[in-house]
Amino acid sequence: MHGLHFGHEQHSIDAYAGTGFYFGMAQDVRTRILEVLNGQSVGALFLTELDARLTGTGSEEVARAVLEMENDRILVVDRPSPDPHVIADLRIVALIDPADPDAARRSAESVWSRWVKEVLSHHRCG
C-alpha cells in the first residue's frame, strides 16, 4: 500500500479509489506524481521539476496525468514571469491536502516566492 503524508497524517493512495484515478499506466504515473509531491517539504514543485524527477515518463504523459488530477488531487498555479527576459513554463503543481485545501495554494506560493527571490537576486537588466 502506498501512503501520502499531509503534515503528520498518512493517507492511503487506495483511499482515492473512485476519485479520478484510472487503471493502467496512467494510474502508475498519477501515483508517482503524488509520491514525488508528497516527498517535497512544501508539497509543491514547478511542473518542469516534477517532469524531470519522473524519469522514464514522457512529458506529455506527465502533463496529461496532472491535468486529469487538477482540482481534485493537485492544484496547478500558473504565474506570469516577473521579468520579460525570463521565458519558461512557470506552472507550479501542489498536492491538495483534503484536510486543508488552502495548504496547496500556500505551498505553491512558497515555491513561487523562493524562485522569484532567487531569480531577481541574480538577474540584472541593462
C-alpha atoms as a PDB file:
ATOM      1  CA  MET A   1       0.000   0.000   0.000  1.00  0.00           C
ATOM      2  CA  HIS A   2       1.331   3.431  -0.914  1.00  0.00           C
ATOM      3  CA  GLY A   3       0.892   6.269   1.536  1.00  0.00           C
ATOM      4  CA  LEU A   4       0.645  10.021   1.265  1.00  0.00           C
ATOM      5  CA  HIS A   5       1.669  12.246   4.117  1.00  0.00           C
ATOM      6  CA  PHE A   6      -0.122  15.511   4.833  1.00  0.00           C
ATOM      7  CA  GLY A   7       1.628  17.056   7.788  1.00  0.00           C
ATOM      8  CA  HIS A   8       1.808  14.238  10.297  1.00  0.00           C
ATOM      9  CA  GLU A   9      -1.060  12.215   8.874  1.00  0.00           C
ATOM     10  CA  GLN A  10      -0.675   9.380   6.401  1.00  0.00           C
ATOM     11  CA  HIS A  11      -3.351   8.692   3.807  1.00  0.00           C
ATOM     12  CA  SER A  12      -3.533   5.579   1.686  1.00  0.00           C
ATOM     13  CA  ILE A  13      -3.483   6.136  -2.060  1.00  0.00           C
ATOM     14  CA  ASP A  14      -6.158   3.426  -2.089  1.00  0.00           C
ATOM     15  CA  ALA A  15      -8.408   5.992  -0.394  1.00  0.00           C
ATOM     16  CA  TYR A  16      -8.513   7.858  -3.696  1.00  0.00           C
ATOM     17  CA  ALA A  17     -10.285   4.995  -5.473  1.00  0.00           C
ATOM     18  CA  GLY A  18     -13.189   6.370  -7.470  1.00  0.00           C
ATOM     19  CA  THR A  19     -11.806   9.925  -7.425  1.00  0.00           C
ATOM     20  CA  GLY A  20     -10.426  10.188 -10.942  1.00  0.00           C
ATOM     21  CA  PHE A  21      -7.735   7.509 -10.798  1.00  0.00           C
ATOM     22  CA  TYR A  22      -7.846   5.021 -13.633  1.00  0.00           C
ATOM     23  CA  PHE A  23      -6.179   1.653 -14.042  1.00  0.00           C
ATOM     24  CA  GLY A  24      -3.152   1.028 -16.218  1.00  0.00           C
ATOM     25  CA  MET A  25      -0.072   3.077 -16.990  1.00  0.00           C
ATOM     26  CA  ALA A  26      -1.722   6.425 -16.216  1.00  0.00           C
ATOM     27  CA  GLN A  27      -2.528   5.109 -12.719  1.00  0.00           C
ATOM     28  CA  ASP A  28       1.171   4.479 -12.190  1.00  0.00           C
ATOM     29  CA  VAL A  29       2.082   7.977 -13.427  1.00  0.00           C
ATOM     30  CA  ARG A  30      -0.505   9.563 -11.135  1.00  0.00           C
ATOM     31  CA  THR A  31       0.791   7.540  -8.189  1.00  0.00           C
ATOM     32  CA  ARG A  32       4.373   8.558  -8.936  1.00  0.00           C
ATOM     33  CA  ILE A  33       3.357  12.230  -9.245  1.00  0.00           C
ATOM     34  CA  LEU A  34       1.634  12.129  -5.874  1.00  0.00           C
ATOM     35  CA  GLU A  35       4.620  10.373  -4.306  1.00  0.00           C
ATOM     36  CA  VAL A  36       7.078  12.953  -5.685  1.00  0.00           C
ATOM     37  CA  LEU A  37       4.963  15.883  -4.493  1.00  0.00           C
ATOM     38  CA  ASN A  38       4.439  14.192  -1.151  1.00  0.00           C
ATOM     39  CA  GLY A  39       8.221  13.910  -0.768  1.00  0.00           C
ATOM     40  CA  GLN A  40       8.692  17.686  -1.029  1.00  0.00           C
ATOM     41  CA  SER A  41       8.925  19.694   2.164  1.00  0.00           C
ATOM     42  CA  VAL A  42       6.196  22.045   0.912  1.00  0.00           C
ATOM     43  CA  GLY A  43       4.322  19.561  -1.310  1.00  0.00           C
ATOM     44  CA  ALA A  44       4.831  21.587  -4.485  1.00  0.00           C
ATOM     45  CA  LEU A  45       7.200  21.863  -7.457  1.00  0.00           C
ATOM     46  CA  PHE A  46       7.390  23.623 -10.776  1.00  0.00           C
ATOM     47  CA  LEU A  47       5.850  21.333 -13.398  1.00  0.00           C
ATOM     48  CA  THR A  48       9.198  21.207 -15.196  1.00  0.00           C
ATOM     49  CA  GLU A  49      10.889  19.989 -11.988  1.00  0.00           C
ATOM     50  CA  LEU A  50       8.214  17.349 -11.485  1.00  0.00           C
ATOM     51  CA  ASP A  51       8.642  16.193 -15.066  1.00  0.00           C
ATOM     52  CA  ALA A  52      12.427  15.927 -14.608  1.00  0.00           C
ATOM     53  CA  ARG A  53      12.015  13.788 -11.477  1.00  0.00           C
ATOM     54  CA  LEU A  54       9.723  11.324 -13.225  1.00  0.00           C
ATOM     55  CA  THR A  55      12.434   9.651 -15.265  1.00  0.00           C
ATOM     56  CA  GLY A  56      11.181   7.195 -17.819  1.00  0.00           C
ATOM     57  CA  THR A  57       7.892   9.038 -18.207  1.00  0.00           C
ATOM     58  CA  GLY A  58       7.241  11.308 -21.157  1.00  0.00           C
ATOM     59  CA  SER A  59       6.434  14.987 -20.637  1.00  0.00           C
ATOM     60  CA  GLU A  60       3.096  14.597 -22.434  1.00  0.00           C
ATOM     61  CA  GLU A  61       2.118  11.715 -20.149  1.00  0.00           C
ATOM     62  CA  VAL A  62       3.040  13.747 -17.053  1.00  0.00           C
ATOM     63  CA  ALA A  63       1.094  16.770 -18.325  1.00  0.00           C
ATOM     64  CA  ARG A  64      -1.941  14.594 -19.109  1.00  0.00           C
ATOM     65  CA  ALA A  65      -1.881  12.967 -15.646  1.00  0.00           C
ATOM     66  CA  VAL A  66      -1.545  16.374 -13.951  1.00  0.00           C
ATOM     67  CA  LEU A  67      -4.460  17.699 -15.992  1.00  0.00           C
ATOM     68  CA  GLU A  68      -6.595  14.687 -15.011  1.00  0.00           C
ATOM     69  CA  MET A  69      -5.853  15.244 -11.314  1.00  0.00           C
ATOM     70  CA  GLU A  70      -6.114  19.058 -11.384  1.00  0.00           C
ATOM     71  CA  ASN A  71      -8.589  20.474  -8.870  1.00  0.00           C
ATOM     72  CA  ASP A  72      -9.076  17.023  -7.354  1.00  0.00           C
ATOM     73  CA  ARG A  73      -5.671  15.880  -6.051  1.00  0.00           C
ATOM     74  CA  ILE A  74      -3.434  18.619  -7.463  1.00  0.00           C
ATOM     75  CA  LEU A  75      -3.627  22.392  -7.699  1.00  0.00           C
ATOM     76  CA  VAL A  76      -1.929  23.944 -10.743  1.00  0.00           C
ATOM     77  CA  VAL A  77      -0.926  27.593 -10.427  1.00  0.00           C
ATOM     78  CA  ASP A  78       0.282  29.483 -13.490  1.00  0.00           C
ATOM     79  CA  ARG A  79       2.069  32.748 -12.750  1.00  0.00           C
ATOM     80  CA  PRO A  80       3.334  35.369 -15.204  1.00  0.00           C
ATOM     81  CA  SER A  81       7.062  35.839 -15.433  1.00  0.00           C
ATOM     82  CA  PRO A  82       8.397  38.588 -13.156  1.00  0.00           C
ATOM     83  CA  ASP A  83      10.793  39.603 -15.933  1.00  0.00           C
ATOM     84  CA  PRO A  84      10.136  39.786 -19.691  1.00  0.00           C
ATOM     85  CA  HIS A  85      13.538  38.182 -20.328  1.00  0.00           C
ATOM     86  CA  VAL A  86      12.550  35.013 -18.469  1.00  0.00           C
ATOM     87  CA  ILE A  87      10.635  32.772 -20.828  1.00  0.00           C
ATOM     88  CA  ALA A  88       9.763  29.468 -19.209  1.00  0.00           C
ATOM     89  CA  ASP A  89       6.949  27.199 -18.118  1.00  0.00           C
ATOM     90  CA  LEU A  90       6.267  28.638 -14.664  1.00  0.00           C
ATOM     91  CA  ARG A  91       3.337  26.417 -13.712  1.00  0.00           C
ATOM     92  CA  ILE A  92       3.562  25.092 -10.171  1.00  0.00           C
ATOM     93  CA  VAL A  93       1.835  21.880  -9.122  1.00  0.00           C
ATOM     94  CA  ALA A  94       0.897  21.391  -5.484  1.00  0.00           C
ATOM     95  CA  LEU A  95      -0.570  18.451  -3.619  1.00  0.00           C
ATOM     96  CA  ILE A  96      -4.058  19.127  -2.252  1.00  0.00           C
ATOM     97  CA  ASP A  97      -4.491  18.117   1.373  1.00  0.00           C
ATOM     98  CA  PRO A  98      -8.135  17.048   1.837  1.00  0.00           C
ATOM     99  CA  ALA A  99      -7.995  18.301   5.440  1.00  0.00           C
ATOM    100  CA  ASP A 100      -6.678  21.737   4.425  1.00  0.00           C
ATOM    101  CA  PRO A 101      -7.418  22.558   0.763  1.00  0.00           C
ATOM    102  CA  ASP A 102      -5.849  26.029   1.055  1.00  0.00           C
ATOM    103  CA  ALA A 103      -2.498  24.447   2.005  1.00  0.00           C
ATOM    104  CA  ALA A 104      -1.852  23.702  -1.693  1.00  0.00           C
ATOM    105  CA  ARG A 105      -2.133  27.394  -2.574  1.00  0.00           C
ATOM    106  CA  ARG A 106       0.223  28.310   0.291  1.00  0.00           C
ATOM    107  CA  SER A 107       2.684  25.639  -0.861  1.00  0.00           C
ATOM    108  CA  ALA A 108       2.620  26.925  -4.435  1.00  0.00           C
ATOM    109  CA  GLU A 109       3.121  30.477  -3.175  1.00  0.00           C
ATOM    110  CA  SER A 110       6.117  29.349  -1.108  1.00  0.00           C
ATOM    111  CA  VAL A 111       7.754  27.732  -4.165  1.00  0.00           C
ATOM    112  CA  TRP A 112       6.996  30.825  -6.269  1.00  0.00           C
ATOM    113  CA  SER A 113       8.317  33.312  -3.707  1.00  0.00           C
ATOM    114  CA  ARG A 114      11.538  31.378  -3.226  1.00  0.00           C
ATOM    115  CA  TRP A 115      12.084  31.182  -7.004  1.00  0.00           C
ATOM    116  CA  VAL A 116      11.330  34.875  -7.644  1.00  0.00           C
ATOM    117  CA  LYS A 117      13.670  35.911  -4.846  1.00  0.00           C
ATOM    118  CA  GLU A 118      16.449  33.746  -6.305  1.00  0.00           C
ATOM    119  CA  VAL A 119      15.929  34.955  -9.889  1.00  0.00           C
ATOM    120  CA  LEU A 120      15.723  38.621  -9.018  1.00  0.00           C
ATOM    121  CA  SER A 121      18.776  38.443  -6.739  1.00  0.00           C
ATOM    122  CA  HIS A 122      20.927  37.288  -9.700  1.00  0.00           C
ATOM    123  CA  HIS A 123      19.262  38.926 -12.677  1.00  0.00           C
ATOM    124  CA  ARG A 124      20.332  42.333 -13.907  1.00  0.00           C
ATOM    125  CA  CYS A 125      18.600  44.097 -16.779  1.00  0.00           C
ATOM    126  CA  GLY A 126      20.589  46.500 -18.721  1.00  0.00           C
END
